[in-house]
N, C-alpha and C. Protein backbone atom coordinates (compact mmCIF):
# COMPACT_ATOMS: atom_id res chain seq x y z
N MET A 1 0.85 -1.18 0.00
CA MET A 1 0.00 0.00 0.00
C MET A 1 0.89 1.24 0.00
N ASN A 2 0.57 2.21 -0.83
CA ASN A 2 1.31 3.46 -0.84
C ASN A 2 1.02 4.24 0.42
N GLN A 3 2.02 4.98 0.88
CA GLN A 3 1.80 5.82 2.04
C GLN A 3 1.21 7.14 1.56
N ASP A 4 -0.05 7.35 1.93
CA ASP A 4 -0.80 8.49 1.44
C ASP A 4 -0.71 9.72 2.32
N PHE A 5 -0.40 9.54 3.59
CA PHE A 5 -0.35 10.69 4.47
C PHE A 5 0.58 10.44 5.63
N THR A 6 0.88 11.50 6.36
CA THR A 6 1.80 11.44 7.49
C THR A 6 1.09 11.91 8.74
N VAL A 7 1.31 11.21 9.83
CA VAL A 7 0.81 11.59 11.14
C VAL A 7 1.99 12.12 11.93
N VAL A 8 1.88 13.33 12.45
CA VAL A 8 2.95 13.91 13.25
C VAL A 8 2.55 13.86 14.72
N VAL A 9 3.37 13.20 15.51
CA VAL A 9 3.18 13.15 16.96
C VAL A 9 4.02 14.28 17.53
N THR A 10 3.38 15.19 18.25
CA THR A 10 4.10 16.37 18.72
C THR A 10 5.10 16.05 19.81
N ASP A 11 4.82 15.06 20.60
CA ASP A 11 5.78 14.56 21.58
C ASP A 11 5.25 13.22 22.06
N GLN A 12 6.10 12.44 22.68
CA GLN A 12 5.65 11.15 23.19
C GLN A 12 6.58 10.74 24.32
N VAL A 13 6.04 9.96 25.25
CA VAL A 13 6.78 9.57 26.44
C VAL A 13 7.05 8.07 26.51
N PHE A 14 6.58 7.33 25.54
CA PHE A 14 6.74 5.89 25.56
C PHE A 14 8.06 5.49 24.90
N PRO A 15 8.64 4.38 25.32
CA PRO A 15 9.93 3.97 24.75
C PRO A 15 9.85 3.57 23.28
N SER A 16 8.67 3.25 22.79
CA SER A 16 8.53 2.80 21.41
C SER A 16 7.19 3.26 20.84
N ILE A 17 7.19 3.52 19.56
CA ILE A 17 5.93 3.82 18.85
C ILE A 17 5.69 2.75 17.78
N GLU A 18 6.27 1.57 17.99
CA GLU A 18 6.17 0.50 17.01
C GLU A 18 4.72 0.10 16.75
N THR A 19 3.90 -0.01 17.79
CA THR A 19 2.49 -0.38 17.61
C THR A 19 1.79 0.65 16.74
N GLU A 20 1.97 1.91 17.06
CA GLU A 20 1.34 2.98 16.29
C GLU A 20 1.85 2.99 14.85
N THR A 21 3.15 2.77 14.68
CA THR A 21 3.74 2.73 13.35
C THR A 21 3.11 1.64 12.51
N GLN A 22 2.95 0.45 13.09
CA GLN A 22 2.34 -0.66 12.36
C GLN A 22 0.88 -0.40 12.04
N LEU A 23 0.13 0.12 13.00
CA LEU A 23 -1.28 0.41 12.76
C LEU A 23 -1.46 1.45 11.67
N LEU A 24 -0.68 2.50 11.72
CA LEU A 24 -0.79 3.55 10.71
C LEU A 24 -0.32 3.07 9.35
N ALA A 25 0.72 2.24 9.31
CA ALA A 25 1.19 1.70 8.03
C ALA A 25 0.10 0.87 7.36
N ALA A 26 -0.70 0.19 8.17
CA ALA A 26 -1.78 -0.65 7.63
C ALA A 26 -2.83 0.17 6.88
N ILE A 27 -2.92 1.46 7.17
CA ILE A 27 -3.89 2.30 6.46
C ILE A 27 -3.19 3.30 5.53
N GLY A 28 -1.91 3.04 5.27
CA GLY A 28 -1.19 3.85 4.30
C GLY A 28 -0.59 5.12 4.85
N ALA A 29 -0.33 5.16 6.14
CA ALA A 29 0.23 6.37 6.74
C ALA A 29 1.61 6.08 7.31
N ARG A 30 2.38 7.12 7.41
CA ARG A 30 3.66 7.01 8.12
C ARG A 30 3.60 7.94 9.31
N ILE A 31 4.43 7.68 10.29
CA ILE A 31 4.42 8.46 11.51
C ILE A 31 5.77 9.14 11.68
N LYS A 32 5.72 10.37 12.13
CA LYS A 32 6.93 11.13 12.46
C LYS A 32 6.74 11.68 13.87
N VAL A 33 7.81 11.70 14.64
CA VAL A 33 7.74 12.18 16.02
C VAL A 33 8.58 13.44 16.15
N ALA A 34 7.98 14.49 16.67
CA ALA A 34 8.69 15.73 16.97
C ALA A 34 9.16 15.68 18.42
N ASP A 35 9.97 16.63 18.79
CA ASP A 35 10.53 16.63 20.14
C ASP A 35 9.70 17.40 21.16
N GLY A 36 8.53 17.88 20.77
CA GLY A 36 7.65 18.57 21.71
C GLY A 36 7.84 20.07 21.75
N THR A 37 8.89 20.56 21.12
CA THR A 37 9.09 22.01 21.06
C THR A 37 8.40 22.57 19.82
N ALA A 38 8.11 23.85 19.84
CA ALA A 38 7.50 24.48 18.67
C ALA A 38 8.41 24.33 17.46
N GLU A 39 9.71 24.48 17.67
CA GLU A 39 10.66 24.36 16.56
C GLU A 39 10.69 22.93 16.03
N GLY A 40 10.64 21.96 16.92
CA GLY A 40 10.65 20.56 16.51
C GLY A 40 9.39 20.17 15.75
N VAL A 41 8.25 20.65 16.21
CA VAL A 41 6.99 20.35 15.52
C VAL A 41 7.00 20.99 14.14
N THR A 42 7.49 22.21 14.04
CA THR A 42 7.57 22.89 12.75
C THR A 42 8.53 22.16 11.82
N ARG A 43 9.65 21.70 12.35
CA ARG A 43 10.64 21.00 11.54
C ARG A 43 10.06 19.68 11.00
N VAL A 44 9.40 18.91 11.85
CA VAL A 44 8.89 17.60 11.45
C VAL A 44 7.59 17.72 10.66
N GLY A 45 6.71 18.62 11.05
CA GLY A 45 5.41 18.73 10.40
C GLY A 45 5.23 19.99 9.59
N GLY A 46 6.32 20.65 9.27
CA GLY A 46 6.25 21.94 8.61
C GLY A 46 5.43 21.97 7.34
N ASP A 47 5.61 20.96 6.48
CA ASP A 47 4.86 20.96 5.22
C ASP A 47 3.37 20.94 5.48
N TYR A 48 2.94 20.12 6.44
CA TYR A 48 1.52 20.05 6.76
C TYR A 48 1.06 21.35 7.41
N LEU A 49 1.82 21.84 8.37
CA LEU A 49 1.42 23.05 9.07
C LEU A 49 1.28 24.22 8.11
N PHE A 50 2.22 24.35 7.20
CA PHE A 50 2.14 25.45 6.25
C PHE A 50 1.01 25.24 5.27
N GLY A 51 0.72 24.00 4.92
CA GLY A 51 -0.41 23.70 4.04
C GLY A 51 -1.72 24.10 4.69
N VAL A 52 -1.87 23.84 5.99
CA VAL A 52 -3.08 24.22 6.71
C VAL A 52 -3.20 25.75 6.74
N ALA A 53 -2.10 26.42 6.98
CA ALA A 53 -2.13 27.88 7.03
C ALA A 53 -2.59 28.46 5.70
N GLU A 54 -2.15 27.84 4.61
CA GLU A 54 -2.54 28.35 3.30
C GLU A 54 -4.00 28.06 2.99
N ARG A 55 -4.51 26.90 3.43
CA ARG A 55 -5.89 26.51 3.12
C ARG A 55 -6.88 27.02 4.17
N GLY A 56 -6.41 27.35 5.34
CA GLY A 56 -7.29 27.72 6.44
C GLY A 56 -7.58 26.51 7.32
N GLN A 57 -8.10 26.75 8.48
CA GLN A 57 -8.38 25.68 9.43
C GLN A 57 -9.61 24.89 9.00
N PRO A 58 -9.60 23.58 9.24
CA PRO A 58 -10.78 22.77 8.89
C PRO A 58 -11.96 23.15 9.78
N GLU A 59 -13.16 22.94 9.26
CA GLU A 59 -14.36 23.18 10.03
C GLU A 59 -14.50 22.13 11.13
N HIS A 60 -15.01 22.55 12.29
CA HIS A 60 -15.23 21.61 13.40
C HIS A 60 -16.70 21.36 13.56
């Protein structure tokens, strides 16, 4: 299955994200983990964050 999207975890406290990685891979996603800082989140998820800024926030 092609990886269609990326999930960015802003921070995490568990020693492994293997379970999450496998679950997300099963639906065509990859996971990236930031270090919890604003700079880290921007670095890891920057493309998505800037894409949201350009399109506007989704409706809730």
